[in-house]
Amino acid sequence: MTAGQRRRCFGLLRSAGDVWACVLEVNAWRRRRGDVPLVGYQELCRELAVSGPGTFAELDTTGARSVLRRFSDAWFAAVKRRNNGDGSAGFPRRRRGLVPVRWYHGTFTLQGRRVRIPTARGTTPLWVRLARDLPYPVEQVRSVALLCEGGRLFLDVTAEVPVALYLPGEGPDPGRVAGVDLGIIHPFAVAGPDGEGLLVSVR
């Protein structure tokens, strides 16, 4: 990734953080006036449309809407936890400098390892290169998400994978149960009822 590509990618994440901060600020104003907060995805999108194009630098409408979806989901997840008796569940109130952005099928372009990340209308196309080939066909890719972890940029790719089909008598035995433990050094550890196990390690 070139320095220019890196700068623009971080710019998109910062603009997404601005979208998040704007939602917090709007709801703070509404609370002071005694109004109900804007938390539904559709009503947040209507508020975004009022802001007009170019408000959030190179971040396009689809990317900004993904931030609104994240905020709305976080809000209603907190409501559900509180309704289930979890008094520690907090609503999204904290600003974030960098917020992940997601784009869905039809808004981005995949050409081998190259990905065109959508940007606002009138801006230069932003192409980046994946570190490795995708393990599934391009037509199965449903979304890509730009995020930053540990100061490094990542492009998370989500694909729709068909369910495996088996011939009669060759499928898994529904009478056998296995527990799967998700880890970090050993991503998958599976233990069956007959004492057999499978350990998948990244080392």
Protein backbone atom coordinates (compact mmCIF):
# COMPACT_ATOMS: atom_id res chain seq x y z
CA MET A 1 0.00 0.00 0.00
CA THR A 2 1.34 3.41 -0.95
CA ALA A 3 1.52 6.33 1.47
CA GLY A 4 -1.29 8.03 -0.44
CA GLN A 5 -3.55 4.98 -0.26
CA ARG A 6 -2.86 4.62 3.46
CA ARG A 7 -3.64 8.30 4.06
CA ARG A 8 -6.94 8.05 2.18
CA CYS A 9 -7.97 4.85 3.97
CA PHE A 10 -7.33 6.41 7.37
CA GLY A 11 -9.23 9.46 6.13
CA LEU A 12 -12.28 7.28 5.48
CA LEU A 13 -12.08 5.80 8.99
CA ARG A 14 -11.76 9.27 10.52
CA SER A 15 -14.74 10.49 8.49
CA ALA A 16 -16.69 7.50 9.78
CA GLY A 17 -15.70 8.61 13.28
CA ASP A 18 -17.11 12.05 12.42
CA VAL A 19 -20.43 10.43 11.43
CA TRP A 20 -20.51 8.61 14.78
CA ALA A 21 -19.69 11.84 16.64
CA CYS A 22 -22.43 13.73 14.77
CA VAL A 23 -25.04 11.17 15.83
CA LEU A 24 -23.91 11.54 19.44
CA GLU A 25 -24.03 15.34 19.18
CA VAL A 26 -27.48 15.41 17.58
CA ASN A 27 -28.86 13.14 20.28
CA ALA A 28 -27.22 15.26 23.00
CA TRP A 29 -29.06 18.30 21.62
CA ARG A 30 -32.32 16.34 21.52
CA ARG A 31 -31.90 15.21 25.13
CA ARG A 32 -31.36 18.80 26.25
CA ARG A 33 -34.60 19.78 24.49
CA GLY A 34 -36.46 16.84 25.98
CA ASP A 35 -36.89 15.09 22.61
CA VAL A 36 -36.55 11.36 22.02
CA PRO A 37 -33.16 10.31 20.57
CA LEU A 38 -32.65 9.36 16.93
CA VAL A 39 -31.64 5.70 17.06
CA GLY A 40 -33.55 3.90 14.29
CA TYR A 41 -31.57 3.15 11.14
CA GLN A 42 -34.15 4.66 8.76
CA GLU A 43 -34.51 7.91 10.69
CA LEU A 44 -30.74 8.23 10.99
CA CYS A 45 -30.44 7.78 7.21
CA ARG A 46 -33.00 10.54 6.67
CA GLU A 47 -30.92 12.82 8.89
CA LEU A 48 -27.82 11.90 6.85
CA ALA A 49 -29.61 12.80 3.60
CA VAL A 50 -30.33 16.28 4.97
CA SER A 51 -26.60 16.87 5.54
CA GLY A 52 -25.95 16.71 1.79
CA PRO A 53 -23.02 15.30 -0.22
CA GLY A 54 -19.42 16.06 0.73
CA THR A 55 -20.16 16.63 4.42
CA PHE A 56 -17.85 13.81 5.48
CA ALA A 57 -14.95 14.33 3.06
CA GLU A 58 -14.32 11.25 0.87
CA LEU A 59 -16.72 8.96 2.75
CA ASP A 60 -19.62 8.03 0.45
CA THR A 61 -23.26 7.61 1.44
CA THR A 62 -23.10 3.81 1.59
CA GLY A 63 -20.10 3.90 3.91
CA ALA A 64 -21.75 6.53 6.13
CA ARG A 65 -24.91 4.44 6.32
CA SER A 66 -22.88 1.46 7.54
CA VAL A 67 -21.78 3.60 10.49
CA LEU A 68 -25.41 4.51 11.20
CA ARG A 69 -26.31 0.82 11.08
CA ARG A 70 -23.52 0.07 13.57
CA PHE A 71 -24.77 2.80 15.92
CA SER A 72 -28.40 1.67 15.69
CA ASP A 73 -27.48 -1.98 16.27
CA ALA A 74 -25.37 -1.03 19.31
CA TRP A 75 -28.23 1.03 20.74
CA PHE A 76 -30.88 -1.67 20.40
CA ALA A 77 -28.46 -4.35 21.63
CA ALA A 78 -28.08 -2.30 24.83
CA VAL A 79 -31.88 -2.01 25.11
CA LYS A 80 -32.25 -5.78 24.78
CA ARG A 81 -29.59 -6.45 27.41
CA ARG A 82 -31.23 -4.01 29.84
CA ASN A 83 -34.64 -5.58 29.25
CA ASN A 84 -33.04 -8.93 30.11
CA GLY A 85 -31.87 -7.55 33.44
CA ASP A 86 -28.32 -6.46 32.62
CA GLY A 87 -28.07 -3.08 34.35
CA SER A 88 -24.46 -2.61 33.23
CA ALA A 89 -25.43 -2.43 29.53
CA GLY A 90 -24.53 1.04 28.29
CA PHE A 91 -25.78 2.96 25.28
CA PRO A 92 -23.24 4.25 22.73
CA ARG A 93 -22.13 7.61 24.18
CA ARG A 94 -18.37 7.65 23.56
CA ARG A 95 -16.74 9.27 20.54
CA ARG A 96 -14.42 7.18 18.39
CA GLY A 97 -11.54 8.47 16.33
CA LEU A 98 -11.59 5.61 13.81
CA VAL A 99 -14.79 3.71 13.02
CA PRO A 100 -14.94 0.68 10.66
CA VAL A 101 -16.75 1.18 7.36
CA ARG A 102 -18.60 -1.53 5.42
CA TRP A 103 -19.68 -1.63 1.78
CA TYR A 104 -22.06 -4.18 0.32
CA HIS A 105 -22.26 -6.13 -2.94
CA GLY A 106 -22.65 -3.85 -5.94
CA THR A 107 -20.90 -0.84 -4.39
CA PHE A 108 -17.28 -2.04 -4.61
CA THR A 109 -15.20 -3.69 -7.35
CA LEU A 110 -13.01 -6.80 -7.08
CA GLN A 111 -10.42 -7.59 -9.75
CA GLY A 112 -8.18 -10.41 -8.57
CA ARG A 113 -6.38 -9.03 -5.53
CA ARG A 114 -7.31 -5.44 -6.35
CA VAL A 115 -10.30 -3.83 -4.64
CA ARG A 116 -11.84 -0.49 -5.50
CA ILE A 117 -13.13 1.05 -2.27
CA PRO A 118 -16.09 3.38 -2.89
CA THR A 119 -15.51 7.07 -2.20
CA ALA A 120 -17.67 10.18 -2.47
CA ARG A 121 -18.75 11.35 -5.90
CA GLY A 122 -16.18 13.51 -7.65
CA THR A 123 -13.17 12.00 -5.85
CA THR A 124 -10.37 9.94 -7.36
CA PRO A 125 -11.04 6.15 -7.36
CA LEU A 126 -9.34 4.39 -4.44
CA TRP A 127 -7.80 1.03 -5.37
CA VAL A 128 -6.00 -1.16 -2.82
CA ARG A 129 -4.38 -4.59 -3.10
CA LEU A 130 -5.20 -7.55 -0.87
CA ALA A 131 -2.31 -9.32 0.88
CA ARG A 132 -3.50 -12.72 -0.38
CA ASP A 133 -5.91 -14.29 -2.85
CA LEU A 134 -9.50 -14.77 -1.75
CA PRO A 135 -10.32 -18.40 -0.83
CA TYR A 136 -13.66 -18.23 -2.66
CA PRO A 137 -15.01 -16.98 -6.01
CA VAL A 138 -15.55 -13.24 -6.44
CA GLU A 139 -19.27 -13.74 -7.10
CA GLN A 140 -19.70 -15.10 -3.55
CA VAL A 141 -18.33 -11.94 -1.91
CA ARG A 142 -21.12 -10.00 -0.22
CA SER A 143 -19.33 -7.17 1.58
CA VAL A 144 -15.97 -5.63 2.43
CA ALA A 145 -15.16 -3.67 5.57
CA LEU A 146 -12.25 -1.29 6.14
CA LEU A 147 -10.95 -1.24 9.71
CA CYS A 148 -7.86 -0.49 11.79
CA GLU A 149 -6.49 -2.76 14.51
CA GLY A 150 -3.23 -2.13 16.32
CA GLY A 151 -2.40 0.72 13.96
CA ARG A 152 -2.67 -1.56 10.92
CA LEU A 153 -5.27 -1.34 8.15
CA PHE A 154 -7.34 -4.40 7.28
CA LEU A 155 -9.96 -5.14 4.65
CA ASP A 156 -12.40 -7.70 6.01
CA VAL A 157 -14.12 -9.69 3.25
CA THR A 158 -17.45 -11.47 3.86
CA ALA A 159 -18.67 -14.14 1.44
CA GLU A 160 -21.75 -16.33 1.13
CA VAL A 161 -20.60 -19.95 1.14
CA PRO A 162 -23.07 -22.67 0.07
CA VAL A 163 -24.00 -25.33 2.60
CA ALA A 164 -22.29 -28.65 1.97
CA LEU A 165 -24.55 -31.33 0.47
CA TYR A 166 -24.03 -35.03 1.12
CA LEU A 167 -25.23 -38.18 -0.58
CA PRO A 168 -27.56 -40.39 1.47
CA GLY A 169 -25.58 -42.17 4.17
CA GLU A 170 -22.45 -40.01 3.76
CA GLY A 171 -23.46 -36.99 5.84
CA PRO A 172 -22.57 -36.21 9.47
CA ASP A 173 -24.19 -38.39 12.10
CA PRO A 174 -26.86 -36.23 13.85
CA GLY A 175 -26.59 -38.49 16.88
CA ARG A 176 -22.98 -37.46 17.56
CA VAL A 177 -22.23 -34.15 19.26
CA ALA A 178 -18.90 -32.30 19.35
CA GLY A 179 -17.93 -29.17 21.26
CA VAL A 180 -15.87 -26.51 19.48
CA ASP A 181 -13.67 -24.17 21.52
CA LEU A 182 -12.53 -20.97 19.78
CA GLY A 183 -9.09 -19.75 20.79
CA ILE A 184 -6.30 -17.40 19.65
CA ILE A 185 -3.11 -19.46 19.37
CA HIS A 186 -5.18 -22.56 18.62
CA PRO A 187 -8.18 -21.17 16.66
CA PHE A 188 -10.22 -24.39 16.78
CA ALA A 189 -10.23 -27.24 19.28
CA VAL A 190 -12.84 -29.96 18.78
CA ALA A 191 -13.55 -32.81 21.20
CA GLY A 192 -15.93 -35.68 20.48
CA PRO A 193 -17.77 -38.00 22.89
CA ASP A 194 -15.48 -40.94 22.09
CA GLY A 195 -12.34 -39.18 23.32
CA GLU A 196 -11.05 -38.19 19.91
CA GLY A 197 -10.09 -34.57 19.29
CA LEU A 198 -8.82 -32.17 16.66
CA LEU A 199 -6.57 -29.18 17.34
CA VAL A 200 -5.89 -26.56 14.67
CA SER A 201 -2.87 -24.37 15.48
CA VAL A 202 -1.51 -21.26 13.77
CA ARG A 203 2.03 -21.97 15.01
